[in-house]
Structure formats: structure tokens, C-alpha cells
Amino acid sequence: MTNRSPHAPEPAVSAPPTSTPSDLLTLPEAAELLRAPVATLRYWRHLGSGPRSFRLGRRVLYRRDDVQAWVDAQRSSGSR
């Protein structure tokens, strides 16, 4: 038995962050978001210079946050 009042608020428990399917982008979706050809993203992946990506089975996926962080980094490293 606990000493908690029946009207006391429950302690807040935060769930660990997880990626939802909408947070993961396929290669064509990432290309569309960046307004770049799919071939350009493939080339960047080959060079290791584009947004962070990973393989899940045979598919290349991008996290939306990683794509946005890469865009922000490109913007901040610009000469303007």
C-alpha cells in the first residue's frame, strides 16, 4: 500500500524518443525535400559529404532531423 493521496498527480514519465515512419525519408523523399536529383544524393553519399544516411536492409534512409541539420550546417558555413 502506498501513502499517496488518490488526488495526487502522477509523476511525469518521459518516453525515450523514437523515430516514427514519417521521420524517416527514403532517397527520393530526401531528394524532393532538398530539391535535388536522386543522383546527386547518391553522389553525395558516395563522397560522404551529404546528409547523414543509413541502410535498413537494402534501403537507404535519412532521418528528417539529420537532413535539416545538414541544411542548417550548409547555410551557416556559407560565405554570405
Protein backbone atom coordinates (compact mmCIF):
# COMPACT_ATOMS: atom_id res chain seq x y z
CA MET A 1 0.00 0.00 0.00
CA THR A 2 1.29 3.48 -0.81
CA ASN A 3 0.93 6.70 1.14
CA ARG A 4 -0.02 8.71 -1.95
CA SER A 5 -3.21 10.67 -1.95
CA PRO A 6 -5.75 9.48 -4.53
CA HIS A 7 -5.83 13.03 -5.91
CA ALA A 8 -2.07 13.50 -6.24
CA PRO A 9 -0.85 13.95 -9.81
CA GLU A 10 1.02 11.10 -11.39
CA PRO A 11 4.75 11.69 -11.80
CA ALA A 12 5.71 12.63 -15.34
CA VAL A 13 7.45 9.83 -17.18
CA SER A 14 9.04 10.71 -20.47
CA ALA A 15 9.29 8.02 -23.07
CA PRO A 16 12.55 7.68 -24.96
CA PRO A 17 12.46 9.39 -28.35
CA THR A 18 11.74 7.04 -31.19
CA SER A 19 11.62 7.57 -34.92
CA THR A 20 8.22 7.35 -36.46
CA PRO A 21 7.91 6.28 -40.08
CA SER A 22 7.23 9.90 -41.06
CA ASP A 23 10.59 10.91 -39.54
CA LEU A 24 12.39 8.54 -41.91
CA LEU A 25 12.83 9.57 -45.52
CA THR A 26 13.60 7.37 -48.48
CA LEU A 27 16.16 8.52 -51.02
CA PRO A 28 13.51 10.01 -53.37
CA GLU A 29 11.76 11.72 -50.43
CA ALA A 30 15.02 13.26 -49.20
CA ALA A 31 15.83 14.39 -52.74
CA GLU A 32 12.41 16.02 -53.02
CA LEU A 33 12.85 17.74 -49.67
CA LEU A 34 16.25 19.07 -50.74
CA ARG A 35 15.00 19.84 -54.27
CA ALA A 36 17.94 17.92 -55.69
CA PRO A 37 18.10 14.98 -58.10
CA VAL A 38 18.28 11.50 -56.59
CA ALA A 39 21.57 11.01 -58.44
CA THR A 40 23.04 13.99 -56.57
CA LEU A 41 22.16 12.45 -53.20
CA ARG A 42 23.71 9.17 -54.34
CA TYR A 43 26.86 11.03 -55.33
CA TRP A 44 26.98 12.92 -52.03
CA ARG A 45 26.52 9.59 -50.21
CA HIS A 46 29.43 8.15 -52.21
CA LEU A 47 31.62 11.15 -51.30
CA GLY A 48 30.40 11.18 -47.70
CA SER A 49 29.52 14.85 -47.99
CA GLY A 50 25.73 14.89 -47.93
CA PRO A 51 23.22 14.46 -45.13
CA ARG A 52 23.80 11.51 -42.83
CA SER A 53 22.10 8.38 -44.12
CA PHE A 54 21.94 4.73 -43.17
CA ARG A 55 20.88 1.42 -44.61
CA LEU A 56 17.96 -0.55 -43.29
CA GLY A 57 18.13 -3.81 -45.14
CA ARG A 58 18.52 -2.80 -48.77
CA ARG A 59 17.00 0.64 -48.38
CA VAL A 60 18.90 3.87 -47.87
CA LEU A 61 17.09 6.08 -45.38
CA TYR A 62 17.56 9.56 -44.00
CA ARG A 63 16.27 10.95 -40.73
CA ARG A 64 14.38 14.19 -41.30
CA ASP A 65 16.30 15.82 -38.42
CA ASP A 66 19.65 14.84 -39.99
CA VAL A 67 18.65 16.35 -43.33
CA GLN A 68 17.56 19.57 -41.63
CA ALA A 69 20.76 19.70 -39.55
CA TRP A 70 22.82 19.24 -42.73
CA VAL A 71 20.94 22.07 -44.46
CA ASP A 72 21.48 24.31 -41.43
CA ALA A 73 25.20 23.46 -41.39
CA GLN A 74 25.49 24.27 -45.10
CA ARG A 75 23.73 27.55 -44.52
CA SER A 76 25.96 28.55 -41.61
CA SER A 77 29.16 27.61 -43.45
CA GLY A 78 28.22 29.74 -46.46
CA SER A 79 30.13 32.90 -47.28
CA ARG A 80 27.09 35.16 -47.05
